[in-house]
Amino acid sequence: QVHMVESGGGLVQPGGSLRLSCAASGFTFGTYWMHWVRQAPGKEREFVGGLNWSGDITRYADSVKGRFTISRDNAKNTVYLQMSSLKPEDTAVYYCAANRWGQRGSYQFWGQGTQVTVSS
């Protein structure tokens, strides 16, 4: 069965950094685009970033571009989100998600999410 497990979330002060990881299993990881999506309380889920099979094409939401970096290690079946210059507005549950062709908002597999809280 498919499993995707996020880790690395926590409480950080504004301006700080965190690195999220998502370990995947149960599907052919290297043939899927991988994405990070977040959801704050009372809000809809929001696309954060994504990358293609090899990781040489990346896409980001305007709100995080220049601050967040998405990457993947296909040998480890893991996707990462390096977050820096964090803002209170970044507070959300962060999910990793997978699809075959990189479309936003339509994903075949989801993780359970990890909480990121940015607060002083």
N, C-alpha and C. Protein backbone atom coordinates (compact mmCIF):
# COMPACT_ATOMS: atom_id res chain seq x y z
N GLN A 1 0.81 -1.17 0.00
CA GLN A 1 0.00 0.00 0.00
C GLN A 1 0.87 1.26 0.00
N VAL A 2 0.26 2.37 -0.41
CA VAL A 2 0.97 3.63 -0.51
C VAL A 2 1.04 4.29 0.86
N HIS A 3 2.24 4.76 1.20
CA HIS A 3 2.44 5.54 2.41
C HIS A 3 3.32 6.73 2.08
N MET A 4 2.96 7.89 2.63
CA MET A 4 3.79 9.07 2.56
C MET A 4 3.75 9.71 3.93
N VAL A 5 4.91 9.85 4.55
CA VAL A 5 5.00 10.29 5.92
C VAL A 5 5.84 11.55 6.00
N GLU A 6 5.22 12.64 6.42
CA GLU A 6 5.91 13.91 6.59
C GLU A 6 6.54 14.00 7.97
N SER A 7 7.64 14.73 8.05
CA SER A 7 8.29 14.99 9.32
C SER A 7 9.04 16.31 9.23
N GLY A 8 9.46 16.82 10.37
CA GLY A 8 10.27 18.02 10.41
C GLY A 8 9.56 19.28 10.83
N GLY A 9 8.25 19.22 11.03
CA GLY A 9 7.52 20.39 11.46
C GLY A 9 7.80 20.73 12.91
N GLY A 10 7.33 21.89 13.32
CA GLY A 10 7.52 22.32 14.68
C GLY A 10 7.25 23.80 14.85
N LEU A 11 7.66 24.32 15.99
CA LEU A 11 7.50 25.73 16.33
C LEU A 11 8.80 26.46 16.06
N VAL A 12 8.71 27.57 15.33
CA VAL A 12 9.89 28.35 14.99
C VAL A 12 9.53 29.83 15.05
N GLN A 13 10.50 30.66 15.40
CA GLN A 13 10.27 32.10 15.44
C GLN A 13 10.30 32.70 14.04
N PRO A 14 9.63 33.83 13.85
CA PRO A 14 9.72 34.50 12.56
C PRO A 14 11.16 34.73 12.15
N GLY A 15 11.45 34.49 10.87
CA GLY A 15 12.80 34.59 10.37
C GLY A 15 13.59 33.32 10.44
N GLY A 16 13.07 32.32 11.12
CA GLY A 16 13.77 31.06 11.27
C GLY A 16 13.60 30.14 10.08
N SER A 17 14.16 28.94 10.22
CA SER A 17 14.17 27.96 9.14
C SER A 17 13.74 26.60 9.64
N LEU A 18 13.16 25.82 8.75
CA LEU A 18 12.82 24.43 8.99
C LEU A 18 13.00 23.66 7.68
N ARG A 19 13.31 22.38 7.80
CA ARG A 19 13.32 21.50 6.64
C ARG A 19 12.34 20.37 6.87
N LEU A 20 11.36 20.26 5.98
CA LEU A 20 10.39 19.19 6.02
C LEU A 20 10.84 18.05 5.12
N SER A 21 10.53 16.83 5.52
CA SER A 21 10.81 15.65 4.72
C SER A 21 9.54 14.85 4.54
N CYS A 22 9.45 14.16 3.43
CA CYS A 22 8.34 13.26 3.16
C CYS A 22 8.90 11.98 2.58
N ALA A 23 8.79 10.90 3.33
CA ALA A 23 9.27 9.59 2.91
C ALA A 23 8.12 8.80 2.30
N ALA A 24 8.30 8.35 1.06
CA ALA A 24 7.24 7.70 0.31
C ALA A 24 7.55 6.23 0.07
N SER A 25 6.50 5.42 -0.04
CA SER A 25 6.65 4.02 -0.38
C SER A 25 5.36 3.52 -1.01
N GLY A 26 5.44 2.39 -1.72
CA GLY A 26 4.26 1.76 -2.28
C GLY A 26 3.89 2.19 -3.69
N PHE A 27 4.70 3.03 -4.32
CA PHE A 27 4.49 3.42 -5.71
C PHE A 27 5.83 3.76 -6.33
N THR A 28 5.85 3.92 -7.65
CA THR A 28 7.09 4.19 -8.37
C THR A 28 7.43 5.66 -8.24
N PHE A 29 8.15 5.98 -7.20
CA PHE A 29 8.40 7.36 -6.81
C PHE A 29 8.97 8.20 -7.95
N GLY A 30 9.92 7.65 -8.69
CA GLY A 30 10.62 8.40 -9.72
C GLY A 30 9.79 8.75 -10.94
N THR A 31 8.57 8.24 -11.06
CA THR A 31 7.70 8.58 -12.17
C THR A 31 6.61 9.57 -11.78
N TYR A 32 6.65 10.09 -10.56
CA TYR A 32 5.64 11.01 -10.07
C TYR A 32 6.23 12.38 -9.79
N TRP A 33 5.50 13.41 -10.19
CA TRP A 33 5.74 14.74 -9.65
C TRP A 33 5.42 14.71 -8.16
N MET A 34 6.19 15.45 -7.39
CA MET A 34 5.94 15.58 -5.97
C MET A 34 5.67 17.04 -5.63
N HIS A 35 4.82 17.24 -4.64
CA HIS A 35 4.35 18.58 -4.30
C HIS A 35 4.24 18.74 -2.80
N TRP A 36 4.29 20.00 -2.37
CA TRP A 36 3.93 20.36 -1.02
C TRP A 36 2.71 21.28 -1.07
N VAL A 37 1.74 20.98 -0.22
CA VAL A 37 0.50 21.72 -0.11
C VAL A 37 0.29 22.04 1.36
N ARG A 38 -0.26 23.20 1.67
CA ARG A 38 -0.47 23.55 3.06
C ARG A 38 -1.91 24.01 3.30
N GLN A 39 -2.33 23.91 4.55
CA GLN A 39 -3.67 24.33 4.93
C GLN A 39 -3.62 24.95 6.32
N ALA A 40 -4.05 26.20 6.39
CA ALA A 40 -4.18 26.89 7.66
C ALA A 40 -5.60 26.72 8.18
N PRO A 41 -5.82 26.85 9.50
CA PRO A 41 -7.16 26.70 10.04
C PRO A 41 -8.17 27.63 9.38
N GLY A 42 -9.30 27.07 8.97
CA GLY A 42 -10.35 27.86 8.36
C GLY A 42 -10.12 28.24 6.91
N LYS A 43 -9.03 27.79 6.32
CA LYS A 43 -8.71 28.12 4.94
C LYS A 43 -8.64 26.86 4.08
N GLU A 44 -8.76 27.05 2.79
CA GLU A 44 -8.61 25.94 1.85
C GLU A 44 -7.14 25.58 1.68
N ARG A 45 -6.91 24.39 1.21
CA ARG A 45 -5.55 23.97 0.93
C ARG A 45 -4.94 24.82 -0.17
N GLU A 46 -3.64 25.10 -0.02
CA GLU A 46 -2.93 26.01 -0.90
C GLU A 46 -1.68 25.32 -1.43
N PHE A 47 -1.49 25.36 -2.73
CA PHE A 47 -0.28 24.84 -3.35
C PHE A 47 0.92 25.65 -2.90
N VAL A 48 1.99 24.96 -2.52
CA VAL A 48 3.22 25.61 -2.08
C VAL A 48 4.32 25.45 -3.13
N GLY A 49 4.58 24.23 -3.55
CA GLY A 49 5.61 23.99 -4.53
C GLY A 49 5.54 22.58 -5.06
N GLY A 50 6.17 22.35 -6.20
CA GLY A 50 6.22 21.04 -6.80
C GLY A 50 7.43 20.90 -7.70
N LEU A 51 7.77 19.66 -8.03
CA LEU A 51 8.89 19.39 -8.92
C LEU A 51 8.65 18.12 -9.70
N ASN A 52 9.32 18.04 -10.85
CA ASN A 52 9.11 16.92 -11.75
C ASN A 52 9.90 15.70 -11.33
N TRP A 53 9.90 14.68 -12.19
CA TRP A 53 10.44 13.37 -11.84
C TRP A 53 11.90 13.42 -11.44
N SER A 54 12.70 14.18 -12.18
CA SER A 54 14.13 14.26 -11.91
C SER A 54 14.50 15.42 -10.99
N GLY A 55 13.58 16.34 -10.77
CA GLY A 55 13.84 17.48 -9.90
C GLY A 55 14.43 18.69 -10.59
N ASP A 56 14.59 18.66 -11.91
CA ASP A 56 15.18 19.80 -12.60
C ASP A 56 14.17 20.87 -12.97
N ILE A 57 12.87 20.60 -12.80
CA ILE A 57 11.83 21.60 -13.00
C ILE A 57 11.11 21.79 -11.67
N THR A 58 11.07 23.01 -11.19
CA THR A 58 10.39 23.33 -9.94
C THR A 58 9.40 24.46 -10.15
N ARG A 59 8.34 24.46 -9.34
CA ARG A 59 7.32 25.49 -9.37
C ARG A 59 6.99 25.88 -7.94
N TYR A 60 6.72 27.16 -7.73
CA TYR A 60 6.43 27.67 -6.40
C TYR A 60 5.27 28.65 -6.43
N ALA A 61 4.54 28.69 -5.34
CA ALA A 61 3.59 29.77 -5.14
C ALA A 61 4.33 31.08 -4.98
N ASP A 62 3.73 32.17 -5.45
CA ASP A 62 4.38 33.47 -5.33
C ASP A 62 4.69 33.84 -3.89
N SER A 63 3.87 33.38 -2.96
CA SER A 63 4.05 33.74 -1.57
C SER A 63 5.29 33.14 -0.93
N VAL A 64 5.85 32.10 -1.53
CA VAL A 64 7.01 31.44 -0.94
C VAL A 64 8.24 31.47 -1.84
N LYS A 65 8.10 31.93 -3.06
CA LYS A 65 9.21 31.93 -4.00
C LYS A 65 10.37 32.77 -3.45
N GLY A 66 11.56 32.19 -3.50
CA GLY A 66 12.73 32.85 -2.97
C GLY A 66 13.02 32.52 -1.53
N ARG A 67 12.05 31.95 -0.83
CA ARG A 67 12.23 31.57 0.57
C ARG A 67 12.23 30.06 0.77
N PHE A 68 11.46 29.34 -0.04
CA PHE A 68 11.34 27.89 0.08
C PHE A 68 12.02 27.22 -1.10
N THR A 69 12.58 26.05 -0.86
CA THR A 69 13.19 25.26 -1.91
C THR A 69 12.72 23.82 -1.80
N ILE A 70 12.18 23.30 -2.90
CA ILE A 70 11.75 21.91 -2.94
C ILE A 70 12.82 21.09 -3.65
N SER A 71 13.06 19.88 -3.17
CA SER A 71 14.04 18.99 -3.78
C SER A 71 13.62 17.55 -3.54
N ARG A 72 14.28 16.63 -4.23
CA ARG A 72 13.94 15.22 -4.05
C ARG A 72 15.19 14.37 -4.17
N ASP A 73 15.14 13.21 -3.54
CA ASP A 73 16.19 12.21 -3.61
C ASP A 73 15.50 10.90 -3.98
N ASN A 74 15.55 10.55 -5.27
CA ASN A 74 14.82 9.38 -5.73
C ASN A 74 15.40 8.08 -5.17
N ALA A 75 16.68 8.07 -4.85
CA ALA A 75 17.28 6.88 -4.25
C ALA A 75 16.72 6.61 -2.86
N LYS A 76 16.25 7.66 -2.20
CA LYS A 76 15.66 7.52 -0.86
C LYS A 76 14.15 7.63 -0.87
N ASN A 77 13.54 7.81 -2.04
CA ASN A 77 12.09 7.99 -2.14
C ASN A 77 11.60 9.10 -1.20
N THR A 78 12.31 10.21 -1.22
CA THR A 78 12.03 11.29 -0.28
C THR A 78 12.01 12.62 -1.00
N VAL A 79 11.04 13.47 -0.62
CA VAL A 79 10.97 14.84 -1.10
C VAL A 79 11.13 15.76 0.10
N TYR A 80 11.78 16.91 -0.12
CA TYR A 80 12.09 17.84 0.95
C TYR A 80 11.52 19.21 0.65
N LEU A 81 11.27 19.97 1.70
CA LEU A 81 10.94 21.37 1.57
C LEU A 81 11.79 22.14 2.57
N GLN A 82 12.77 22.87 2.06
CA GLN A 82 13.60 23.72 2.89
C GLN A 82 12.94 25.09 2.98
N MET A 83 12.61 25.52 4.18
CA MET A 83 11.91 26.77 4.41
C MET A 83 12.80 27.71 5.20
N SER A 84 12.95 28.92 4.71
CA SER A 84 13.73 29.93 5.39
C SER A 84 12.95 31.23 5.43
N SER A 85 13.44 32.18 6.23
CA SER A 85 12.77 33.47 6.39
C SER A 85 11.28 33.29 6.67
N LEU A 86 10.99 32.40 7.59
CA LEU A 86 9.60 32.04 7.84
C LEU A 86 8.82 33.20 8.44
N LYS A 87 7.55 33.28 8.05
CA LYS A 87 6.64 34.32 8.49
C LYS A 87 5.46 33.70 9.22
N PRO A 88 4.79 34.45 10.11
CA PRO A 88 3.59 33.91 10.76
C PRO A 88 2.55 33.42 9.75
N GLU A 89 2.48 34.04 8.59
CA GLU A 89 1.54 33.63 7.56
C GLU A 89 1.84 32.24 7.00
N ASP A 90 3.03 31.71 7.26
CA ASP A 90 3.38 30.36 6.82
C ASP A 90 2.83 29.29 7.74
N THR A 91 2.25 29.67 8.87
CA THR A 91 1.71 28.70 9.81
C THR A 91 0.61 27.88 9.15
N ALA A 92 0.75 26.57 9.16
CA ALA A 92 -0.20 25.68 8.51
C ALA A 92 0.22 24.25 8.76
N VAL A 93 -0.66 23.32 8.40
CA VAL A 93 -0.28 21.93 8.26
C VAL A 93 0.23 21.74 6.85
N TYR A 94 1.41 21.16 6.72
CA TYR A 94 2.04 20.95 5.42
C TYR A 94 1.93 19.48 5.03
N TYR A 95 1.43 19.25 3.83
CA TYR A 95 1.24 17.91 3.30
C TYR A 95 2.12 17.70 2.07
N CYS A 96 2.65 16.50 1.91
CA CYS A 96 3.22 16.14 0.63
C CYS A 96 2.17 15.39 -0.18
N ALA A 97 2.27 15.52 -1.50
CA ALA A 97 1.29 14.93 -2.40
C ALA A 97 1.97 14.55 -3.70
N ALA A 98 1.39 13.58 -4.41
CA ALA A 98 1.99 13.07 -5.63
C ALA A 98 0.96 12.99 -6.75
N ASN A 99 1.40 13.31 -7.97
CA ASN A 99 0.63 13.00 -9.16
C ASN A 99 1.58 12.72 -10.32
N ARG A 100 1.05 12.23 -11.42
CA ARG A 100 1.89 11.77 -12.52
C ARG A 100 2.36 12.89 -13.43
N TRP A 101 1.54 13.96 -13.56
CA TRP A 101 1.80 14.94 -14.62
C TRP A 101 1.96 16.37 -14.14
N GLY A 102 1.99 16.59 -12.86
CA GLY A 102 2.33 17.90 -12.32
C GLY A 102 1.20 18.90 -12.21
N GLN A 103 -0.04 18.49 -12.49
CA GLN A 103 -1.14 19.43 -12.37
C GLN A 103 -1.39 19.80 -10.91
N ARG A 104 -1.74 21.06 -10.70
CA ARG A 104 -2.03 21.53 -9.35
C ARG A 104 -3.46 21.20 -8.96
N GLY A 105 -3.65 20.83 -7.72
CA GLY A 105 -4.99 20.62 -7.19
C GLY A 105 -5.58 19.25 -7.43
N SER A 106 -4.83 18.36 -8.07
CA SER A 106 -5.31 17.01 -8.32
C SER A 106 -4.18 16.04 -8.05
N TYR A 107 -4.30 15.30 -6.96
CA TYR A 107 -3.21 14.45 -6.50
C TYR A 107 -3.73 13.05 -6.22
N GLN A 108 -2.92 12.06 -6.53
CA GLN A 108 -3.31 10.67 -6.31
C GLN A 108 -3.04 10.22 -4.88
N PHE A 109 -1.95 10.71 -4.31
CA PHE A 109 -1.53 10.26 -2.99
C PHE A 109 -1.24 11.45 -2.10
N TRP A 110 -1.57 11.30 -0.83
CA TRP A 110 -1.38 12.33 0.18
C TRP A 110 -0.73 11.76 1.42
N GLY A 111 0.07 12.57 2.09
CA GLY A 111 0.53 12.24 3.42
C GLY A 111 -0.44 12.74 4.47
N GLN A 112 -0.10 12.52 5.74
CA GLN A 112 -0.96 12.92 6.85
C GLN A 112 -0.70 14.34 7.32
N GLY A 113 0.41 14.92 6.93
CA GLY A 113 0.69 16.30 7.25
C GLY A 113 1.58 16.46 8.47
N THR A 114 2.27 17.59 8.53
CA THR A 114 3.07 17.97 9.67
C THR A 114 2.84 19.44 9.97
N GLN A 115 2.69 19.77 11.25
CA GLN A 115 2.35 21.13 11.66
C GLN A 115 3.58 22.02 11.68
N VAL A 116 3.46 23.19 11.06
CA VAL A 116 4.47 24.24 11.13
C VAL A 116 3.82 25.45 11.77
N THR A 117 4.39 25.93 12.86
CA THR A 117 3.89 27.10 13.55
C THR A 117 5.00 28.14 13.63
N VAL A 118 4.74 29.32 13.10
CA VAL A 118 5.71 30.42 13.11
C VAL A 118 5.16 31.49 14.02
N SER A 119 5.80 31.68 15.16
CA SER A 119 5.28 32.60 16.16
C SER A 119 6.40 33.04 17.09
N SER A 120 6.31 34.27 17.55
CA SER A 120 7.24 34.78 18.54
C SER A 120 6.69 34.65 19.95
